[in-house]
Amino acid sequence: MNYKIFNKQVFEQAQVRSISDVPFTEEELENGMKLAVSKKDETLALYLVEVDGMKKFDVRWDDSSELFSGWHSAWDNFTWCLNTVEQEKQ
């Protein structure tokens, strides 16, 4: 596995059901809840964020950020980025 899971419960919940009921701390409301991060590039991470009262997934890499409404599209993007990191680090 080329990534580390930070919040296993929410990470697993996101794969099988809605994450709309996931509570955030004040800090997570501001910065997002980190779900996973690349082991080879700490700037690549998958977050759960709240935007306009809706929970979304945020794939962050370096200074870029892309929001996704659904788990599958966010995970596809995150794993694509992970594979790119793997190729760059070889």
C-alpha atoms as a PDB file:
ATOM      1  CA  MET A   1       0.000   0.000   0.000  1.00  0.00           C
ATOM      2  CA  ASN A   2       1.540   3.292  -1.087  1.00  0.00           C
ATOM      3  CA  TYR A   3      -0.653   5.448   1.149  1.00  0.00           C
ATOM      4  CA  LYS A   4      -1.382   5.761   4.850  1.00  0.00           C
ATOM      5  CA  ILE A   5      -4.929   5.898   6.227  1.00  0.00           C
ATOM      6  CA  PHE A   6      -5.498   8.557   8.881  1.00  0.00           C
ATOM      7  CA  ASN A   7      -9.139   8.038   9.819  1.00  0.00           C
ATOM      8  CA  LYS A   8      -9.939   4.392   9.171  1.00  0.00           C
ATOM      9  CA  GLN A   9     -13.556   4.559  10.323  1.00  0.00           C
ATOM     10  CA  VAL A  10     -14.498   7.436   8.011  1.00  0.00           C
ATOM     11  CA  PHE A  11     -12.286   6.071   5.207  1.00  0.00           C
ATOM     12  CA  GLU A  12     -14.193   2.778   5.288  1.00  0.00           C
ATOM     13  CA  GLN A  13     -17.589   4.450   5.730  1.00  0.00           C
ATOM     14  CA  ALA A  14     -17.004   6.601   2.654  1.00  0.00           C
ATOM     15  CA  GLN A  15     -16.611   3.481   0.540  1.00  0.00           C
ATOM     16  CA  VAL A  16     -19.945   1.933   1.471  1.00  0.00           C
ATOM     17  CA  ARG A  17     -22.385   4.621   2.581  1.00  0.00           C
ATOM     18  CA  SER A  18     -23.044   8.318   2.974  1.00  0.00           C
ATOM     19  CA  ILE A  19     -20.605  10.445   4.932  1.00  0.00           C
ATOM     20  CA  SER A  20     -23.090  13.265   5.511  1.00  0.00           C
ATOM     21  CA  ASP A  21     -23.398  12.323   9.198  1.00  0.00           C
ATOM     22  CA  VAL A  22     -19.649  12.466   9.917  1.00  0.00           C
ATOM     23  CA  PRO A  23     -19.031  15.090  12.625  1.00  0.00           C
ATOM     24  CA  PHE A  24     -16.145  17.549  12.301  1.00  0.00           C
ATOM     25  CA  THR A  25     -14.073  19.226  14.980  1.00  0.00           C
ATOM     26  CA  GLU A  26     -13.539  22.989  14.699  1.00  0.00           C
ATOM     27  CA  GLU A  27     -10.111  22.367  13.156  1.00  0.00           C
ATOM     28  CA  GLU A  28     -11.550  19.891  10.641  1.00  0.00           C
ATOM     29  CA  LEU A  29     -14.220  22.405   9.657  1.00  0.00           C
ATOM     30  CA  GLU A  30     -11.425  24.835   8.802  1.00  0.00           C
ATOM     31  CA  ASN A  31      -8.864  22.483   7.257  1.00  0.00           C
ATOM     32  CA  GLY A  32     -10.741  19.300   6.408  1.00  0.00           C
ATOM     33  CA  MET A  33     -10.436  15.784   7.803  1.00  0.00           C
ATOM     34  CA  LYS A  34      -7.402  13.973   6.427  1.00  0.00           C
ATOM     35  CA  LEU A  35      -8.386  10.481   5.287  1.00  0.00           C
ATOM     36  CA  ALA A  36      -5.276   9.280   3.460  1.00  0.00           C
ATOM     37  CA  VAL A  37      -1.841  10.529   2.449  1.00  0.00           C
ATOM     38  CA  SER A  38       0.825   9.283   0.056  1.00  0.00           C
ATOM     39  CA  LYS A  39       3.788   7.590   1.719  1.00  0.00           C
ATOM     40  CA  LYS A  40       6.170   9.011  -0.897  1.00  0.00           C
ATOM     41  CA  ASP A  41       4.846  12.568  -1.179  1.00  0.00           C
ATOM     42  CA  GLU A  42       3.245  14.088   1.908  1.00  0.00           C
ATOM     43  CA  THR A  43       1.725  16.888  -0.167  1.00  0.00           C
ATOM     44  CA  LEU A  44      -0.638  14.359  -1.796  1.00  0.00           C
ATOM     45  CA  ALA A  45      -3.620  13.703   0.451  1.00  0.00           C
ATOM     46  CA  LEU A  46      -7.315  12.891   0.395  1.00  0.00           C
ATOM     47  CA  TYR A  47      -9.506  14.982   2.689  1.00  0.00           C
ATOM     48  CA  LEU A  48     -13.144  15.115   3.649  1.00  0.00           C
ATOM     49  CA  VAL A  49     -14.291  18.745   3.704  1.00  0.00           C
ATOM     50  CA  GLU A  50     -17.498  20.674   4.165  1.00  0.00           C
ATOM     51  CA  VAL A  51     -18.435  23.150   1.439  1.00  0.00           C
ATOM     52  CA  ASP A  52     -21.665  25.133   1.718  1.00  0.00           C
ATOM     53  CA  GLY A  53     -23.047  22.617   4.208  1.00  0.00           C
ATOM     54  CA  MET A  54     -22.237  19.609   1.996  1.00  0.00           C
ATOM     55  CA  LYS A  55     -19.523  17.013   2.615  1.00  0.00           C
ATOM     56  CA  LYS A  56     -17.121  16.603  -0.298  1.00  0.00           C
ATOM     57  CA  PHE A  57     -13.823  14.883  -0.960  1.00  0.00           C
ATOM     58  CA  ASP A  58     -10.785  17.028  -1.655  1.00  0.00           C
ATOM     59  CA  VAL A  59      -7.703  15.636  -3.381  1.00  0.00           C
ATOM     60  CA  ARG A  60      -4.789  17.950  -2.570  1.00  0.00           C
ATOM     61  CA  TRP A  61      -1.379  17.745  -4.172  1.00  0.00           C
ATOM     62  CA  ASP A  62       1.265  20.425  -3.777  1.00  0.00           C
ATOM     63  CA  ASP A  63      -0.648  23.664  -4.257  1.00  0.00           C
ATOM     64  CA  SER A  64      -3.579  22.177  -6.184  1.00  0.00           C
ATOM     65  CA  SER A  65      -6.921  21.018  -4.882  1.00  0.00           C
ATOM     66  CA  GLU A  66      -9.817  19.283  -6.612  1.00  0.00           C
ATOM     67  CA  LEU A  67     -13.241  18.708  -5.034  1.00  0.00           C
ATOM     68  CA  PHE A  68     -15.389  15.644  -5.677  1.00  0.00           C
ATOM     69  CA  SER A  69     -18.928  14.899  -4.557  1.00  0.00           C
ATOM     70  CA  GLY A  70     -18.547  11.133  -4.710  1.00  0.00           C
ATOM     71  CA  TRP A  71     -16.082   8.682  -3.223  1.00  0.00           C
ATOM     72  CA  HIS A  72     -15.348   6.780  -6.435  1.00  0.00           C
ATOM     73  CA  SER A  73     -14.327   9.788  -8.509  1.00  0.00           C
ATOM     74  CA  ALA A  74     -12.229  11.163  -5.635  1.00  0.00           C
ATOM     75  CA  TRP A  75     -10.564   7.799  -5.068  1.00  0.00           C
ATOM     76  CA  ASP A  76      -9.862   7.379  -8.796  1.00  0.00           C
ATOM     77  CA  ASN A  77      -8.189  10.787  -8.854  1.00  0.00           C
ATOM     78  CA  PHE A  78      -6.213  10.110  -5.662  1.00  0.00           C
ATOM     79  CA  THR A  79      -4.950   6.740  -6.919  1.00  0.00           C
ATOM     80  CA  TRP A  80      -4.043   8.258 -10.295  1.00  0.00           C
ATOM     81  CA  CYS A  81      -1.961  10.841  -8.433  1.00  0.00           C
ATOM     82  CA  LEU A  82      -0.411   8.082  -6.291  1.00  0.00           C
ATOM     83  CA  ASN A  83       0.639   6.220  -9.432  1.00  0.00           C
ATOM     84  CA  THR A  84       2.118   9.409 -10.862  1.00  0.00           C
ATOM     85  CA  VAL A  85       4.121   9.930  -7.658  1.00  0.00           C
ATOM     86  CA  GLU A  86       5.364   6.333  -7.868  1.00  0.00           C
ATOM     87  CA  GLN A  87       6.589   6.877 -11.427  1.00  0.00           C
ATOM     88  CA  GLU A  88       8.266  10.188 -10.559  1.00  0.00           C
ATOM     89  CA  LYS A  89      10.095   8.731  -7.558  1.00  0.00           C
ATOM     90  CA  GLN A  90      11.580   5.794  -9.495  1.00  0.00           C
END
